[in-house]
Amino acid sequence: MRLSDVFLSLGEQDFGKLMTTVSMGRLRTYQMYERLKARAHLHKLNSETLRKATPRLWARLPEGDEDYAKDLAQSVLVSNLDLIEAVLNLLKIPNEGGFFAKDLDPKQYLVEGWQQRVFDEFRSRFPEPVLLFYINHLGWEVGKAEEVFKPEA
């Protein structure tokens, strides 16, 4: 599974909701603002221009440019560290504010059924597109998931 597949699995409407969670302040804090601005081909980056550019950003995902997908993913992830920290704490994965410890292999903490357990725990607390994105991103990054997770109703 590619990271662009994780985005595409959300569908265009939920991808748009995901992009509304991107925080310009967090992008600046983590020195990702200029990178996203360049990747998005925007002269000016703010919440409004990002929202307007979302259809163009979506249209580029099927091309399979994984560097582009990684930059989009990092922008979403740093903007949603509260969700990441909550998920990692639930899974008992040692972290520092949502970031893995340097030499940690978190794969050992992803026991069978972890995705559904995380989804059930946080579905009412966080926006579903962000939660599904992170569950699938974590599976992609750590577990080397081969398929996109789709929750049971």
N, C-alpha and C. Protein backbone atom coordinates (compact mmCIF):
# COMPACT_ATOMS: atom_id res chain seq x y z
N MET A 1 0.85 -1.18 0.00
CA MET A 1 0.00 0.00 0.00
C MET A 1 0.89 1.24 0.00
N ARG A 2 0.50 2.19 -0.81
CA ARG A 2 1.23 3.45 -0.88
C ARG A 2 0.52 4.48 0.00
N LEU A 3 1.25 5.50 0.42
CA LEU A 3 0.66 6.56 1.23
C LEU A 3 -0.40 7.31 0.46
N SER A 4 -0.21 7.48 -0.83
CA SER A 4 -1.24 8.14 -1.64
C SER A 4 -2.55 7.33 -1.62
N ASP A 5 -2.45 6.01 -1.49
CA ASP A 5 -3.65 5.16 -1.38
C ASP A 5 -4.43 5.46 -0.11
N VAL A 6 -3.70 5.79 0.96
CA VAL A 6 -4.36 6.14 2.21
C VAL A 6 -5.23 7.38 2.01
N PHE A 7 -4.67 8.38 1.35
CA PHE A 7 -5.45 9.59 1.06
C PHE A 7 -6.64 9.26 0.16
N LEU A 8 -6.39 8.53 -0.91
CA LEU A 8 -7.44 8.23 -1.88
C LEU A 8 -8.57 7.40 -1.26
N SER A 9 -8.24 6.59 -0.27
CA SER A 9 -9.27 5.77 0.38
C SER A 9 -10.30 6.62 1.11
N LEU A 10 -9.92 7.83 1.47
CA LEU A 10 -10.85 8.72 2.18
C LEU A 10 -11.96 9.23 1.27
N GLY A 11 -11.65 9.38 0.00
CA GLY A 11 -12.59 10.00 -0.93
C GLY A 11 -12.36 11.51 -0.93
N GLU A 12 -12.81 12.15 -1.98
CA GLU A 12 -12.52 13.58 -2.15
C GLU A 12 -13.14 14.45 -1.05
N GLN A 13 -14.36 14.14 -0.65
CA GLN A 13 -15.02 14.96 0.36
C GLN A 13 -14.29 14.88 1.71
N ASP A 14 -13.94 13.69 2.16
CA ASP A 14 -13.22 13.56 3.43
C ASP A 14 -11.79 14.08 3.32
N PHE A 15 -11.19 13.99 2.14
CA PHE A 15 -9.88 14.60 1.94
C PHE A 15 -9.98 16.10 2.18
N GLY A 16 -11.05 16.70 1.67
CA GLY A 16 -11.28 18.14 1.90
C GLY A 16 -11.41 18.45 3.38
N LYS A 17 -12.12 17.60 4.12
CA LYS A 17 -12.26 17.80 5.57
C LYS A 17 -10.90 17.65 6.26
N LEU A 18 -10.11 16.73 5.78
CA LEU A 18 -8.77 16.52 6.33
C LEU A 18 -7.91 17.78 6.14
N MET A 19 -8.00 18.38 4.97
CA MET A 19 -7.20 19.57 4.70
C MET A 19 -7.61 20.77 5.57
N THR A 20 -8.88 20.78 6.02
CA THR A 20 -9.31 21.90 6.88
C THR A 20 -8.69 21.81 8.26
N THR A 21 -8.09 20.68 8.61
CA THR A 21 -7.47 20.55 9.93
C THR A 21 -6.02 21.04 9.94
N VAL A 22 -5.47 21.36 8.78
CA VAL A 22 -4.08 21.80 8.71
C VAL A 22 -3.95 23.17 9.37
N SER A 23 -3.03 23.26 10.31
CA SER A 23 -2.80 24.47 11.08
C SER A 23 -1.57 25.22 10.57
N MET A 24 -1.77 26.45 10.16
CA MET A 24 -0.65 27.26 9.67
C MET A 24 0.38 27.48 10.78
N GLY A 25 -0.10 27.67 11.99
CA GLY A 25 0.80 27.86 13.12
C GLY A 25 1.68 26.64 13.37
N ARG A 26 1.07 25.47 13.32
CA ARG A 26 1.85 24.24 13.51
C ARG A 26 2.83 24.03 12.35
N LEU A 27 2.41 24.37 11.14
CA LEU A 27 3.32 24.23 10.00
C LEU A 27 4.55 25.12 10.20
N ARG A 28 4.33 26.32 10.71
CA ARG A 28 5.46 27.23 10.96
C ARG A 28 6.32 26.70 12.11
N THR A 29 5.67 26.23 13.18
CA THR A 29 6.41 25.70 14.34
C THR A 29 7.33 24.56 13.93
N TYR A 30 6.85 23.68 13.09
CA TYR A 30 7.63 22.52 12.67
C TYR A 30 8.36 22.75 11.34
N GLN A 31 8.46 24.00 10.95
CA GLN A 31 9.19 24.44 9.76
C GLN A 31 8.78 23.67 8.50
N MET A 32 7.47 23.55 8.33
CA MET A 32 6.92 22.86 7.18
C MET A 32 6.10 23.79 6.29
N TYR A 33 5.94 25.02 6.70
CA TYR A 33 5.09 25.97 6.00
C TYR A 33 5.56 26.18 4.55
N GLU A 34 6.82 26.51 4.38
CA GLU A 34 7.34 26.78 3.03
C GLU A 34 7.31 25.54 2.15
N ARG A 35 7.56 24.39 2.75
CA ARG A 35 7.56 23.15 1.99
C ARG A 35 6.16 22.84 1.44
N LEU A 36 5.14 22.99 2.30
CA LEU A 36 3.77 22.74 1.83
C LEU A 36 3.36 23.79 0.80
N LYS A 37 3.74 25.01 1.03
CA LYS A 37 3.42 26.08 0.08
C LYS A 37 4.00 25.74 -1.30
N ALA A 38 5.22 25.28 -1.33
CA ALA A 38 5.85 24.92 -2.61
C ALA A 38 5.18 23.68 -3.22
N ARG A 39 4.93 22.66 -2.40
CA ARG A 39 4.29 21.43 -2.90
C ARG A 39 2.89 21.67 -3.43
N ALA A 40 2.19 22.61 -2.78
CA ALA A 40 0.81 22.92 -3.20
C ALA A 40 0.77 23.91 -4.35
N HIS A 41 1.92 24.40 -4.76
CA HIS A 41 2.02 25.38 -5.85
C HIS A 41 1.20 26.62 -5.54
N LEU A 42 1.38 27.15 -4.31
CA LEU A 42 0.65 28.34 -3.89
C LEU A 42 1.62 29.48 -3.64
N HIS A 43 1.23 30.68 -4.10
CA HIS A 43 2.06 31.86 -3.86
C HIS A 43 1.89 32.32 -2.42
N LYS A 44 0.70 32.07 -1.89
CA LYS A 44 0.38 32.45 -0.52
C LYS A 44 -0.32 31.26 0.11
N LEU A 45 0.08 30.92 1.33
CA LEU A 45 -0.54 29.78 2.01
C LEU A 45 -1.22 30.25 3.28
N ASN A 46 -2.52 30.06 3.30
CA ASN A 46 -3.32 30.26 4.51
C ASN A 46 -4.48 29.29 4.43
N SER A 47 -5.33 29.31 5.43
CA SER A 47 -6.44 28.34 5.47
C SER A 47 -7.34 28.46 4.25
N GLU A 48 -7.60 29.70 3.82
CA GLU A 48 -8.50 29.91 2.68
C GLU A 48 -7.88 29.42 1.37
N THR A 49 -6.61 29.77 1.13
CA THR A 49 -5.99 29.33 -0.12
C THR A 49 -5.82 27.82 -0.16
N LEU A 50 -5.56 27.22 1.01
CA LEU A 50 -5.44 25.77 1.07
C LEU A 50 -6.80 25.12 0.77
N ARG A 51 -7.86 25.67 1.33
CA ARG A 51 -9.21 25.14 1.08
C ARG A 51 -9.53 25.24 -0.41
N LYS A 52 -9.22 26.37 -1.02
CA LYS A 52 -9.50 26.55 -2.45
C LYS A 52 -8.64 25.65 -3.33
N ALA A 53 -7.45 25.33 -2.86
CA ALA A 53 -6.53 24.49 -3.64
C ALA A 53 -6.80 23.00 -3.46
N THR A 54 -7.65 22.65 -2.51
CA THR A 54 -7.89 21.24 -2.19
C THR A 54 -8.28 20.39 -3.40
N PRO A 55 -9.18 20.85 -4.29
CA PRO A 55 -9.48 20.01 -5.46
C PRO A 55 -8.24 19.73 -6.34
N ARG A 56 -7.35 20.70 -6.46
CA ARG A 56 -6.12 20.49 -7.23
C ARG A 56 -5.18 19.52 -6.51
N LEU A 57 -5.12 19.65 -5.18
CA LEU A 57 -4.27 18.75 -4.40
C LEU A 57 -4.78 17.31 -4.53
N TRP A 58 -6.10 17.16 -4.47
CA TRP A 58 -6.73 15.84 -4.62
C TRP A 58 -6.42 15.25 -5.99
N ALA A 59 -6.52 16.07 -7.01
CA ALA A 59 -6.34 15.59 -8.39
C ALA A 59 -4.92 15.07 -8.63
N ARG A 60 -3.96 15.52 -7.85
CA ARG A 60 -2.57 15.08 -8.01
C ARG A 60 -2.28 13.74 -7.33
N LEU A 61 -3.11 13.32 -6.39
CA LEU A 61 -2.83 12.10 -5.63
C LEU A 61 -2.79 10.83 -6.48
N PRO A 62 -3.68 10.65 -7.47
CA PRO A 62 -3.62 9.41 -8.26
C PRO A 62 -2.32 9.25 -9.06
N GLU A 63 -1.55 10.31 -9.20
CA GLU A 63 -0.27 10.22 -9.92
C GLU A 63 0.73 9.34 -9.17
N GLY A 64 0.50 9.12 -7.87
CA GLY A 64 1.36 8.23 -7.10
C GLY A 64 2.68 8.85 -6.66
N ASP A 65 2.77 10.18 -6.61
CA ASP A 65 3.98 10.85 -6.15
C ASP A 65 4.05 10.73 -4.63
N GLU A 66 4.84 9.78 -4.16
CA GLU A 66 4.88 9.49 -2.73
C GLU A 66 5.55 10.61 -1.92
N ASP A 67 6.47 11.34 -2.52
CA ASP A 67 7.07 12.48 -1.81
C ASP A 67 6.01 13.55 -1.56
N TYR A 68 5.18 13.79 -2.53
CA TYR A 68 4.06 14.73 -2.40
C TYR A 68 3.11 14.25 -1.30
N ALA A 69 2.76 12.97 -1.32
CA ALA A 69 1.86 12.40 -0.32
C ALA A 69 2.48 12.51 1.08
N LYS A 70 3.77 12.28 1.20
CA LYS A 70 4.44 12.38 2.50
C LYS A 70 4.40 13.80 3.03
N ASP A 71 4.61 14.78 2.17
CA ASP A 71 4.55 16.18 2.61
C ASP A 71 3.14 16.56 3.06
N LEU A 72 2.13 16.13 2.31
CA LEU A 72 0.75 16.37 2.73
C LEU A 72 0.47 15.69 4.08
N ALA A 73 0.92 14.45 4.20
CA ALA A 73 0.69 13.69 5.43
C ALA A 73 1.35 14.38 6.62
N GLN A 74 2.58 14.80 6.47
CA GLN A 74 3.26 15.46 7.58
C GLN A 74 2.55 16.73 8.00
N SER A 75 2.00 17.45 7.04
CA SER A 75 1.25 18.68 7.34
C SER A 75 0.00 18.36 8.16
N VAL A 76 -0.68 17.29 7.82
CA VAL A 76 -1.87 16.88 8.55
C VAL A 76 -1.48 16.37 9.94
N LEU A 77 -0.44 15.57 9.99
CA LEU A 77 -0.05 14.95 11.26
C LEU A 77 0.40 15.98 12.30
N VAL A 78 1.26 16.92 11.92
CA VAL A 78 1.71 17.90 12.92
C VAL A 78 0.56 18.80 13.37
N SER A 79 -0.47 18.89 12.56
CA SER A 79 -1.63 19.71 12.91
C SER A 79 -2.60 18.97 13.82
N ASN A 80 -2.39 17.69 14.01
CA ASN A 80 -3.30 16.87 14.81
C ASN A 80 -2.54 16.03 15.84
N LEU A 81 -1.56 16.63 16.47
CA LEU A 81 -0.74 15.91 17.44
C LEU A 81 -1.54 15.44 18.65
N ASP A 82 -2.61 16.14 19.00
CA ASP A 82 -3.42 15.70 20.14
C ASP A 82 -4.04 14.33 19.86
N LEU A 83 -4.51 14.11 18.66
CA LEU A 83 -5.06 12.80 18.27
C LEU A 83 -3.95 11.75 18.27
N ILE A 84 -2.82 12.08 17.71
CA ILE A 84 -1.71 11.13 17.62
C ILE A 84 -1.27 10.70 19.01
N GLU A 85 -1.11 11.66 19.90
CA GLU A 85 -0.68 11.33 21.26
C GLU A 85 -1.72 10.45 21.96
N ALA A 86 -2.99 10.76 21.79
CA ALA A 86 -4.05 9.96 22.40
C ALA A 86 -4.04 8.53 21.87
N VAL A 87 -3.87 8.36 20.57
CA VAL A 87 -3.82 7.02 19.97
C VAL A 87 -2.61 6.25 20.47
N LEU A 88 -1.45 6.88 20.45
CA LEU A 88 -0.24 6.20 20.90
C LEU A 88 -0.34 5.82 22.37
N ASN A 89 -0.93 6.68 23.18
CA ASN A 89 -1.11 6.35 24.60
C ASN A 89 -2.07 5.17 24.77
N LEU A 90 -3.15 5.14 24.01
CA LEU A 90 -4.08 4.01 24.07
C LEU A 90 -3.38 2.70 23.73
N LEU A 91 -2.53 2.76 22.72
CA LEU A 91 -1.80 1.56 22.28
C LEU A 91 -0.57 1.26 23.14
N LYS A 92 -0.33 2.15 24.13
CA LYS A 92 0.80 2.02 25.05
C LYS A 92 2.14 2.07 24.31
N ILE A 93 2.19 2.86 23.25
CA ILE A 93 3.43 3.07 22.51
C ILE A 93 4.15 4.26 23.13
N PRO A 94 5.35 4.06 23.68
CA PRO A 94 6.08 5.18 24.28
C PRO A 94 6.27 6.31 23.26
N ASN A 95 5.95 7.53 23.71
CA ASN A 95 6.08 8.68 22.81
C ASN A 95 6.35 9.93 23.62
N GLU A 96 6.80 10.93 22.92
CA GLU A 96 7.05 12.23 23.52
C GLU A 96 6.21 13.24 22.77
N GLY A 97 5.03 13.51 23.30
CA GLY A 97 4.13 14.46 22.67
C GLY A 97 3.65 14.04 21.29
N GLY A 98 3.55 12.73 21.07
CA GLY A 98 3.09 12.23 19.79
C GLY A 98 4.21 11.78 18.86
N PHE A 99 5.44 11.93 19.30
CA PHE A 99 6.59 11.52 18.49
C PHE A 99 7.22 10.28 19.12
N PHE A 100 7.56 9.28 18.29
CA PHE A 100 8.20 8.07 18.78
C PHE A 100 9.57 8.39 19.37
N ALA A 101 9.95 7.62 20.36
CA ALA A 101 11.31 7.70 20.87
C ALA A 101 12.25 7.27 19.74
N LYS A 102 13.46 7.79 19.76
CA LYS A 102 14.39 7.63 18.64
C LYS A 102 14.62 6.19 18.19
N ASP A 103 14.92 5.29 19.09
CA ASP A 103 15.27 3.92 18.70
C ASP A 103 14.14 2.92 18.93
N LEU A 104 12.93 3.40 19.03
CA LEU A 104 11.79 2.54 19.32
C LEU A 104 11.28 1.83 18.07
N ASP A 105 10.97 0.54 18.21
CA ASP A 105 10.29 -0.20 17.15
C ASP A 105 8.83 -0.37 17.60
N PRO A 106 7.94 0.52 17.16
CA PRO A 106 6.57 0.48 17.65
C PRO A 106 5.72 -0.66 17.08
N LYS A 107 6.24 -1.40 16.13
CA LYS A 107 5.46 -2.47 15.50
C LYS A 107 4.97 -3.50 16.52
N GLN A 108 5.75 -3.74 17.55
CA GLN A 108 5.40 -4.73 18.56
C GLN A 108 4.13 -4.37 19.33
N TYR A 109 3.75 -3.09 19.31
CA TYR A 109 2.56 -2.63 20.02
C TYR A 109 1.28 -2.74 19.19
N LEU A 110 1.44 -3.01 17.91
CA LEU A 110 0.28 -3.09 17.02
C LEU A 110 -0.21 -4.54 16.95
N VAL A 111 -0.93 -4.93 17.98
CA VAL A 111 -1.45 -6.29 18.05
C VAL A 111 -2.73 -6.39 17.22
N GLU A 112 -3.09 -7.60 16.88
CA GLU A 112 -4.26 -7.83 16.02
C GLU A 112 -5.49 -7.09 16.55
N GLY A 113 -6.17 -6.41 15.64
CA GLY A 113 -7.38 -5.68 15.98
C GLY A 113 -7.16 -4.27 16.49
N TRP A 114 -5.92 -3.81 16.46
CA TRP A 114 -5.63 -2.49 17.01
C TRP A 114 -6.36 -1.37 16.28
N GLN A 115 -6.51 -1.48 14.96
CA GLN A 115 -7.16 -0.42 14.19
C GLN A 115 -8.61 -0.22 14.62
N GLN A 116 -9.36 -1.31 14.73
CA GLN A 116 -10.76 -1.20 15.12
C GLN A 116 -10.89 -0.69 16.55
N ARG A 117 -9.99 -1.11 17.42
CA ARG A 117 -10.01 -0.66 18.82
C ARG A 117 -9.78 0.84 18.90
N VAL A 118 -8.83 1.34 18.14
CA VAL A 118 -8.55 2.78 18.10
C VAL A 118 -9.75 3.53 17.52
N PHE A 119 -10.29 3.01 16.44
CA PHE A 119 -11.44 3.67 15.81
C PHE A 119 -12.62 3.75 16.78
N ASP A 120 -12.93 2.65 17.43
CA ASP A 120 -14.06 2.63 18.37
C ASP A 120 -13.85 3.58 19.53
N GLU A 121 -12.62 3.67 20.01
CA GLU A 121 -12.32 4.52 21.16
C GLU A 121 -12.44 6.01 20.84
N PHE A 122 -12.02 6.41 19.65
CA PHE A 122 -11.89 7.84 19.35
C PHE A 122 -12.86 8.39 18.32
N ARG A 123 -13.74 7.57 17.78
CA ARG A 123 -14.63 8.02 16.70
C ARG A 123 -15.53 9.18 17.11
N SER A 124 -15.89 9.27 18.39
CA SER A 124 -16.76 10.37 18.83
C SER A 124 -15.95 11.56 19.33
N ARG A 125 -14.66 11.40 19.47
CA ARG A 125 -13.82 12.46 20.02
C ARG A 125 -13.09 13.28 18.95
N PHE A 126 -12.77 12.65 17.83
CA PHE A 126 -12.02 13.30 16.77
C PHE A 126 -12.77 13.16 15.44
N PRO A 127 -12.54 14.08 14.50
CA PRO A 127 -13.19 13.95 13.18
C PRO A 127 -12.80 12.62 12.51
N GLU A 128 -13.78 11.93 11.99
CA GLU A 128 -13.55 10.61 11.41
C GLU A 128 -12.49 10.60 10.30
N PRO A 129 -12.49 11.58 9.37
CA PRO A 129 -11.46 11.54 8.33
C PRO A 129 -10.04 11.61 8.90
N VAL A 130 -9.85 12.42 9.95
CA VAL A 130 -8.52 12.54 10.55
C VAL A 130 -8.15 11.25 11.27
N LEU A 131 -9.10 10.68 11.99
CA LEU A 131 -8.86 9.44 12.71
C LEU A 131 -8.53 8.30 11.74
N LEU A 132 -9.32 8.15 10.69
CA LEU A 132 -9.05 7.10 9.71
C LEU A 132 -7.71 7.32 9.01
N PHE A 133 -7.42 8.57 8.71
CA PHE A 133 -6.13 8.86 8.08
C PHE A 133 -4.99 8.43 8.99
N TYR A 134 -5.07 8.79 10.27
CA TYR A 134 -3.96 8.45 11.16
C TYR A 134 -3.86 6.95 11.38
N ILE A 135 -4.97 6.27 11.56
CA ILE A 135 -4.92 4.81 11.73
C ILE A 135 -4.22 4.18 10.53
N ASN A 136 -4.59 4.60 9.33
CA ASN A 136 -3.98 4.04 8.13
C ASN A 136 -2.54 4.48 7.95
N HIS A 137 -2.25 5.71 8.33
CA HIS A 137 -0.87 6.19 8.25
C HIS A 137 0.02 5.38 9.19
N LEU A 138 -0.46 5.17 10.42
CA LEU A 138 0.32 4.40 11.39
C LEU A 138 0.53 2.98 10.87
N GLY A 139 -0.49 2.39 10.31
CA GLY A 139 -0.35 1.06 9.73
C GLY A 139 0.63 1.03 8.58
N TRP A 140 0.61 2.08 7.77
CA TRP A 140 1.53 2.19 6.64
C TRP A 140 2.97 2.38 7.13
N GLU A 141 3.14 3.29 8.08
CA GLU A 141 4.47 3.65 8.55
C GLU A 141 5.12 2.56 9.41
N VAL A 142 4.37 2.01 10.33
CA VAL A 142 4.93 1.09 11.32
C VAL A 142 4.65 -0.36 10.97
N GLY A 143 3.40 -0.63 10.69
CA GLY A 143 3.02 -2.01 10.47
C GLY A 143 3.21 -2.48 9.05
N LYS A 144 3.56 -1.56 8.18
CA LYS A 144 3.71 -1.89 6.76
C LYS A 144 2.45 -2.58 6.23
N ALA A 145 1.30 -1.98 6.59
CA ALA A 145 0.00 -2.52 6.18
C ALA A 145 -0.06 -2.65 4.66
N GLU A 146 -0.71 -3.71 4.21
CA GLU A 146 -0.85 -3.94 2.78
C GLU A 146 -2.18 -3.46 2.24
N GLU A 147 -3.15 -3.28 3.14
CA GLU A 147 -4.48 -2.82 2.73
C GLU A 147 -4.93 -1.67 3.62
N VAL A 148 -5.77 -0.83 3.07
CA VAL A 148 -6.36 0.28 3.82
C VAL A 148 -7.37 -0.26 4.80
N PHE A 149 -7.31 0.22 6.04
CA PHE A 149 -8.28 -0.18 7.06
C PHE A 149 -9.61 0.52 6.83
N LYS A 150 -10.66 -0.27 6.80
CA LYS A 150 -12.04 0.22 6.72
C LYS A 150 -12.74 -0.27 7.99
N PRO A 151 -13.27 0.65 8.82
CA PRO A 151 -13.86 0.23 10.09
C PRO A 151 -15.17 -0.54 9.90
N GLU A 152 -15.44 -1.41 10.88
CA GLU A 152 -16.73 -2.09 10.93
C GLU A 152 -17.72 -1.13 11.51
N ALA A 153 -18.95 -1.16 11.05
CA ALA A 153 -19.97 -0.22 11.52
C ALA A 153 -20.34 -0.40 12.95
